Amino acid sequence: MGNFGQSAQAERTVVLTAHWPPARAVDDLAIYCPALAGLPDAIAPWLAILPVHDANAVLLEALEGAAFSAAPTRPDFAGVCLVDPFRQRRKVLQAVIDAGIGGIANLPTVATFAGPVLGDLEALRVGLDRELDGLTEAAAMGLATAAVVTDRAMLSRAEQGGFDTVLMCEPSGALSILK
């Protein structure tokens, strides 16, 4: 396990990996999301947002680990749970910067929910608005931003946000570069 979603568009490849360094060399866009470890590859991006673990604790622990520290390269983006109600988002983002990673993606993402569930998350202020606010905060801190979307409605919101990269999470778990 390790390289979950992989997709190519315009000769750019996205590799979503739970381990760093990844099992194979990454030529283009690498997203490191250790919260996906142990989840079935095809549905990992869809399951990771469920409250089965503390996604940001897993990330912070991995960033401090020997394997990551010794790796000769860094991913382009770290997957950060931007709706985490228990951690100060700014501290998580600073840890990403301190680890030498230049950007973040909203992974795991609440975008995998739809209908009444997503509406309930929005009402609780842990929905898409909070994720997009987190991406905006990351950009203000100097991080590149990758907005992961799952449908056209979120795509429109992400485009309005002016994020550096926009990725569509396909039902297969693969990520397609839209911008």
Protein backbone atom coordinates (compact mmCIF):
# COMPACT_ATOMS: atom_id res chain seq x y z
CA MET A 1 0.00 0.00 0.00
CA GLY A 2 1.09 3.49 -0.45
CA ASN A 3 0.33 5.07 -3.81
CA PHE A 4 -3.43 5.50 -3.75
CA GLY A 5 -4.68 7.69 -6.54
CA GLN A 6 -2.69 8.25 -9.66
CA SER A 7 -3.79 10.14 -12.71
CA ALA A 8 -2.28 11.92 -15.69
CA GLN A 9 -3.47 14.95 -17.61
CA ALA A 10 -1.43 17.02 -20.01
CA GLU A 11 1.59 14.87 -19.13
CA ARG A 12 1.39 15.81 -15.46
CA THR A 13 0.97 13.01 -12.98
CA VAL A 14 -0.50 13.14 -9.50
CA VAL A 15 0.65 10.61 -6.95
CA LEU A 16 -1.24 10.42 -3.68
CA THR A 17 0.83 8.48 -1.18
CA ALA A 18 0.54 7.50 2.48
CA HIS A 19 4.30 6.92 2.78
CA TRP A 20 7.28 9.18 2.20
CA PRO A 21 9.42 8.59 0.33
CA PRO A 22 6.96 6.82 -1.99
CA ALA A 23 7.56 3.36 -3.38
CA ARG A 24 8.58 4.79 -6.77
CA ALA A 25 10.07 8.04 -8.00
CA VAL A 26 7.67 10.93 -8.44
CA ASP A 27 8.21 13.09 -11.50
CA ASP A 28 5.43 15.60 -11.05
CA LEU A 29 2.90 16.35 -8.36
CA ALA A 30 3.23 14.42 -5.09
CA ILE A 31 0.69 14.61 -2.27
CA TYR A 32 1.71 13.03 1.03
CA CYS A 33 -1.25 12.03 3.16
CA PRO A 34 -0.27 9.52 5.86
CA ALA A 35 -3.89 9.45 7.10
CA LEU A 36 -4.62 7.16 4.14
CA ALA A 37 -2.35 4.39 5.44
CA GLY A 38 -4.15 1.12 5.97
CA LEU A 39 -7.22 2.14 4.00
CA PRO A 40 -8.21 0.30 0.79
CA ASP A 41 -6.51 2.04 -2.13
CA ALA A 42 -9.58 2.52 -4.32
CA ILE A 43 -11.64 4.22 -1.63
CA ALA A 44 -9.02 5.67 0.72
CA PRO A 45 -9.73 9.32 -0.17
CA TRP A 46 -13.42 8.67 0.51
CA LEU A 47 -12.88 6.91 3.86
CA ALA A 48 -10.12 9.05 5.33
CA ILE A 49 -12.45 11.84 6.50
CA LEU A 50 -14.44 9.43 8.69
CA PRO A 51 -13.62 9.73 12.40
CA VAL A 52 -11.59 6.52 12.57
CA HIS A 53 -8.35 8.30 13.51
CA ASP A 54 -6.87 11.73 14.11
CA ALA A 55 -5.68 12.57 10.58
CA ASN A 56 -3.60 15.58 11.61
CA ALA A 57 -1.97 13.70 14.50
CA VAL A 58 -0.96 11.00 12.02
CA LEU A 59 0.49 13.70 9.73
CA LEU A 60 2.37 15.48 12.52
CA GLU A 61 3.83 12.20 13.80
CA ALA A 62 4.91 11.22 10.29
CA LEU A 63 6.57 14.60 9.67
CA GLU A 64 8.63 14.10 12.83
CA GLY A 65 9.50 10.49 11.97
CA ALA A 66 12.91 9.20 10.97
CA ALA A 67 11.81 7.98 7.52
CA PHE A 68 10.46 11.38 6.51
CA SER A 69 13.40 13.26 8.01
CA ALA A 70 15.91 11.07 6.17
CA ALA A 71 14.12 11.23 2.81
CA PRO A 72 16.18 13.07 0.19
CA THR A 73 13.12 14.79 -1.28
CA ARG A 74 9.91 16.39 -0.06
CA PRO A 75 6.41 16.07 -1.44
CA ASP A 76 4.83 19.02 -3.21
CA PHE A 77 1.82 18.97 -0.89
CA ALA A 78 0.86 17.51 2.48
CA GLY A 79 -2.70 16.34 3.01
CA VAL A 80 -4.13 18.31 5.94
CA CYS A 81 -7.55 17.82 7.52
CA LEU A 82 -8.64 21.44 7.44
CA VAL A 83 -11.86 20.89 9.42
CA ASP A 84 -10.13 19.42 12.49
CA PRO A 85 -12.00 20.97 15.44
CA PHE A 86 -9.39 19.90 18.01
CA ARG A 87 -6.15 21.36 16.65
CA GLN A 88 -5.05 24.88 15.95
CA ARG A 89 -4.90 24.89 12.17
CA ARG A 90 -2.11 27.47 12.09
CA LYS A 91 0.16 25.17 14.13
CA VAL A 92 -0.48 22.25 11.77
CA LEU A 93 0.27 24.46 8.77
CA GLN A 94 3.45 25.73 10.46
CA ALA A 95 4.57 22.13 11.04
CA VAL A 96 4.17 21.49 7.31
CA ILE A 97 6.31 24.54 6.55
CA ASP A 98 8.90 23.49 9.14
CA ALA A 99 9.08 20.03 7.52
CA GLY A 100 10.08 21.65 4.22
CA ILE A 101 6.86 20.98 2.34
CA GLY A 102 5.79 23.84 0.11
CA GLY A 103 2.04 23.26 -0.04
CA ILE A 104 -1.07 21.66 1.37
CA ALA A 105 -4.12 19.91 -0.02
CA ASN A 106 -7.47 19.56 1.72
CA LEU A 107 -7.11 15.83 2.31
CA PRO A 108 -8.90 14.16 3.89
CA THR A 109 -11.80 16.25 2.63
CA VAL A 110 -15.44 16.68 3.58
CA ALA A 111 -16.11 17.06 -0.14
CA THR A 112 -16.61 13.30 -0.19
CA PHE A 113 -19.94 13.85 1.59
CA ALA A 114 -23.06 15.03 -0.22
CA GLY A 115 -26.66 15.95 0.40
CA PRO A 116 -27.98 16.26 3.95
CA VAL A 117 -24.73 15.06 5.54
CA LEU A 118 -22.74 17.84 3.90
CA GLY A 119 -25.47 20.33 4.85
CA ASP A 120 -25.23 19.20 8.47
CA LEU A 121 -21.43 19.60 8.41
CA GLU A 122 -21.83 23.12 7.02
CA ALA A 123 -24.32 23.94 9.79
CA LEU A 124 -21.75 22.74 12.35
CA ARG A 125 -19.06 24.88 10.66
CA VAL A 126 -16.94 21.87 9.73
CA GLY A 127 -17.86 21.75 6.05
CA LEU A 128 -16.53 22.99 2.74
CA ASP A 129 -16.45 26.63 3.84
CA ARG A 130 -14.05 25.77 6.65
CA GLU A 131 -11.85 23.76 4.28
CA LEU A 132 -11.70 26.59 1.77
CA ASP A 133 -10.94 29.03 4.60
CA GLY A 134 -8.08 26.73 5.59
CA LEU A 135 -6.66 26.79 2.08
CA THR A 136 -6.88 30.58 2.09
CA GLU A 137 -5.08 30.69 5.46
CA ALA A 138 -2.37 28.38 4.12
CA ALA A 139 -1.87 30.65 1.11
CA ALA A 140 -1.52 33.65 3.43
CA MET A 141 1.25 31.75 5.24
CA GLY A 142 3.10 31.27 1.95
CA LEU A 143 2.06 27.70 1.19
CA ALA A 144 0.94 26.57 -2.25
CA THR A 145 -2.64 25.31 -2.21
CA ALA A 146 -4.32 22.34 -3.86
CA ALA A 147 -8.10 22.24 -3.60
CA VAL A 148 -9.43 18.71 -3.88
CA VAL A 149 -12.99 18.69 -5.20
CA THR A 150 -15.50 15.96 -5.96
CA ASP A 151 -18.15 17.74 -7.98
CA ARG A 152 -18.85 20.75 -10.18
CA ALA A 153 -20.36 22.82 -7.34
CA MET A 154 -17.18 22.58 -5.27
CA LEU A 155 -15.11 23.13 -8.40
CA SER A 156 -16.83 26.46 -8.90
CA ARG A 157 -16.15 27.45 -5.28
CA ALA A 158 -12.50 26.39 -5.57
CA GLU A 159 -12.05 28.36 -8.78
CA GLN A 160 -13.42 31.46 -7.05
CA GLY A 161 -10.89 30.90 -4.23
CA GLY A 162 -7.96 31.33 -6.60
CA PHE A 163 -6.04 28.29 -5.35
CA ASP A 164 -2.82 27.24 -7.09
CA THR A 165 -4.00 23.78 -8.09
CA VAL A 166 -7.45 22.21 -8.35
CA LEU A 167 -7.77 18.42 -8.34
CA MET A 168 -10.88 16.35 -9.02
CA CYS A 169 -11.14 13.23 -6.85
CA GLU A 170 -12.66 10.61 -9.12
CA PRO A 171 -14.86 7.78 -7.79
CA SER A 172 -11.87 5.48 -8.36
CA GLY A 173 -9.78 7.53 -5.91
CA ALA A 174 -7.57 8.88 -8.70
CA LEU A 175 -6.88 12.60 -8.77
CA SER A 176 -7.18 14.52 -12.02
CA ILE A 177 -5.52 17.91 -12.46
CA LEU A 178 -8.08 20.51 -13.46
CA LYS A 179 -5.85 23.54 -12.88
